[in-house]
Each structure stands twice: as C-alpha cells, then as structure tokens.
Amino acid sequence: MIYTIEFTSKAERQFKKLPEQLQKKLTPKLDALAKTPRPSGIKKLEGGEDLYRIHIGDYCFIYQIQDDQLILLVIKIGDRKEIYKK
C-alpha cells in the first residue's frame, strides 16, 4: 500500500524555506516513506500521538502515520540540532 504524504502548514513552510537543491535531494527520500512508512532507522517518539522521527542527512522529519487513512502527515522539519527546541 502506498501512503499519501501530506504536510501541516508549518511543515510546508519549513520545507519551502530550505534551499531548492536540498528540497530536490530530500523529496525522493520522502517519496520512499510513502511506500515504507516505517523503514529501519526511524524512532517512535514518546507520547500519545504516534509520532515518528527519521533523520535524512542533517535534517530530521517528525511525522505521524495514519494507517486507517493511508496518510503520512509530516509535522515538523528541521536541522537535527534544532528540531527539538521550542
């Protein structure tokens, strides 16, 4: 099954702020998540929202998998060093 990748408005803004070259590099890796939303290397984050984290290069994507609707919702995108700061 292939999941649909959706972005929250915040995640979409964060993605668009990245340099275009980096967006092109990250897009195929995001597309791969649509086929395999739980690849090796992901970590389920603690809490009740079923959030997952994957590192792609120096960037971290936090996302939610909605299996019942086949949606992978990207919630936050950022540098690995900055992603968890509020």
C-alpha atoms as a PDB file:
ATOM      1  CA  MET A   1       0.000   0.000   0.000  1.00  0.00           C
ATOM      2  CA  ILE A   2       1.204   3.487  -0.798  1.00  0.00           C
ATOM      3  CA  TYR A   3       0.562   6.276   1.661  1.00  0.00           C
ATOM      4  CA  THR A   4      -0.261   9.844   0.698  1.00  0.00           C
ATOM      5  CA  ILE A   5       2.246  12.341   2.054  1.00  0.00           C
ATOM      6  CA  GLU A   6       0.696  15.472   3.496  1.00  0.00           C
ATOM      7  CA  PHE A   7       2.317  18.389   5.286  1.00  0.00           C
ATOM      8  CA  THR A   8       0.967  20.530   8.080  1.00  0.00           C
ATOM      9  CA  SER A   9       1.069  24.200   7.124  1.00  0.00           C
ATOM     10  CA  LYS A  10       4.045  24.674   9.456  1.00  0.00           C
ATOM     11  CA  ALA A  11       5.968  21.760   7.936  1.00  0.00           C
ATOM     12  CA  GLU A  12       5.209  23.007   4.432  1.00  0.00           C
ATOM     13  CA  ARG A  13       6.639  26.438   5.297  1.00  0.00           C
ATOM     14  CA  GLN A  14       9.706  24.806   6.841  1.00  0.00           C
ATOM     15  CA  PHE A  15      10.255  22.690   3.721  1.00  0.00           C
ATOM     16  CA  LYS A  16       9.872  25.665   1.365  1.00  0.00           C
ATOM     17  CA  LYS A  17      12.443  27.644   3.373  1.00  0.00           C
ATOM     18  CA  LEU A  18      15.081  25.009   2.629  1.00  0.00           C
ATOM     19  CA  PRO A  19      17.383  25.682  -0.328  1.00  0.00           C
ATOM     20  CA  GLU A  20      15.923  24.350  -3.584  1.00  0.00           C
ATOM     21  CA  GLN A  21      18.867  21.980  -4.084  1.00  0.00           C
ATOM     22  CA  LEU A  22      18.202  20.444  -0.664  1.00  0.00           C
ATOM     23  CA  GLN A  23      14.473  20.147  -1.382  1.00  0.00           C
ATOM     24  CA  LYS A  24      15.316  18.169  -4.532  1.00  0.00           C
ATOM     25  CA  LYS A  25      17.614  15.907  -2.519  1.00  0.00           C
ATOM     26  CA  LEU A  26      15.050  15.258   0.226  1.00  0.00           C
ATOM     27  CA  THR A  27      11.975  14.752  -1.995  1.00  0.00           C
ATOM     28  CA  PRO A  28      12.879  11.221  -3.232  1.00  0.00           C
ATOM     29  CA  LYS A  29      13.562  10.151   0.349  1.00  0.00           C
ATOM     30  CA  LEU A  30      10.163  11.448   1.425  1.00  0.00           C
ATOM     31  CA  ASP A  31       8.577   9.641  -1.511  1.00  0.00           C
ATOM     32  CA  ALA A  32      10.231   6.430  -0.317  1.00  0.00           C
ATOM     33  CA  LEU A  33       8.440   6.870   3.025  1.00  0.00           C
ATOM     34  CA  ALA A  34       5.135   6.717   1.136  1.00  0.00           C
ATOM     35  CA  LYS A  35       5.971   3.127   0.197  1.00  0.00           C
ATOM     36  CA  THR A  36       7.559   2.159   3.514  1.00  0.00           C
ATOM     37  CA  PRO A  37       6.424   4.494   6.297  1.00  0.00           C
ATOM     38  CA  ARG A  38       8.299   2.516   8.962  1.00  0.00           C
ATOM     39  CA  PRO A  39      11.759   1.873   7.472  1.00  0.00           C
ATOM     40  CA  SER A  40      14.721   0.851   9.569  1.00  0.00           C
ATOM     41  CA  GLY A  41      16.259   3.845  11.270  1.00  0.00           C
ATOM     42  CA  ILE A  42      13.031   5.502  12.390  1.00  0.00           C
ATOM     43  CA  LYS A  43      12.263   6.075  16.020  1.00  0.00           C
ATOM     44  CA  LYS A  44       8.827   6.220  17.582  1.00  0.00           C
ATOM     45  CA  LEU A  45       8.693   9.270  19.812  1.00  0.00           C
ATOM     46  CA  GLU A  46       7.299   9.043  23.307  1.00  0.00           C
ATOM     47  CA  GLY A  47       3.858  10.483  23.841  1.00  0.00           C
ATOM     48  CA  GLY A  48       0.348   9.616  22.793  1.00  0.00           C
ATOM     49  CA  GLU A  49       0.324  10.974  19.255  1.00  0.00           C
ATOM     50  CA  ASP A  50       2.062   8.107  17.414  1.00  0.00           C
ATOM     51  CA  LEU A  51       4.818  10.388  16.169  1.00  0.00           C
ATOM     52  CA  TYR A  52       7.886   9.078  14.398  1.00  0.00           C
ATOM     53  CA  ARG A  53      11.249  10.612  13.609  1.00  0.00           C
ATOM     54  CA  ILE A  54      13.622   9.914  10.756  1.00  0.00           C
ATOM     55  CA  HIS A  55      16.945  11.535  10.018  1.00  0.00           C
ATOM     56  CA  ILE A  56      17.723  12.269   6.395  1.00  0.00           C
ATOM     57  CA  GLY A  57      21.204  13.710   6.198  1.00  0.00           C
ATOM     58  CA  ASP A  58      21.445  16.638   8.602  1.00  0.00           C
ATOM     59  CA  TYR A  59      17.681  17.042   8.682  1.00  0.00           C
ATOM     60  CA  CYS A  60      15.040  15.453  10.825  1.00  0.00           C
ATOM     61  CA  PHE A  61      11.429  14.828   9.860  1.00  0.00           C
ATOM     62  CA  ILE A  62       8.775  14.291  12.509  1.00  0.00           C
ATOM     63  CA  TYR A  63       5.676  12.662  11.149  1.00  0.00           C
ATOM     64  CA  GLN A  64       2.523  10.794  12.061  1.00  0.00           C
ATOM     65  CA  ILE A  65       1.315   7.635  10.342  1.00  0.00           C
ATOM     66  CA  GLN A  66      -2.437   7.361   9.902  1.00  0.00           C
ATOM     67  CA  ASP A  67      -2.789   3.721   8.851  1.00  0.00           C
ATOM     68  CA  ASP A  68      -6.580   3.792   8.648  1.00  0.00           C
ATOM     69  CA  GLN A  69      -6.482   6.560   6.003  1.00  0.00           C
ATOM     70  CA  LEU A  70      -3.086   5.669   4.444  1.00  0.00           C
ATOM     71  CA  ILE A  71      -1.721   9.130   5.222  1.00  0.00           C
ATOM     72  CA  LEU A  72       1.763  10.078   6.331  1.00  0.00           C
ATOM     73  CA  LEU A  73       1.470  13.544   7.889  1.00  0.00           C
ATOM     74  CA  VAL A  74       4.738  15.490   8.115  1.00  0.00           C
ATOM     75  CA  ILE A  75       4.508  17.681  11.191  1.00  0.00           C
ATOM     76  CA  LYS A  76       7.925  19.282  11.532  1.00  0.00           C
ATOM     77  CA  ILE A  77      11.128  19.552   9.501  1.00  0.00           C
ATOM     78  CA  GLY A  78      14.399  20.942  10.739  1.00  0.00           C
ATOM     79  CA  ASP A  79      18.087  20.634  11.328  1.00  0.00           C
ATOM     80  CA  ARG A  80      18.905  17.709  13.602  1.00  0.00           C
ATOM     81  CA  LYS A  81      20.438  20.089  16.134  1.00  0.00           C
ATOM     82  CA  GLU A  82      17.457  22.439  16.219  1.00  0.00           C
ATOM     83  CA  ILE A  83      14.367  20.233  15.703  1.00  0.00           C
ATOM     84  CA  TYR A  84      13.554  19.637  19.370  1.00  0.00           C
ATOM     85  CA  LYS A  85      13.992  23.221  20.553  1.00  0.00           C
ATOM     86  CA  LYS A  86      10.728  25.022  21.166  1.00  0.00           C
END
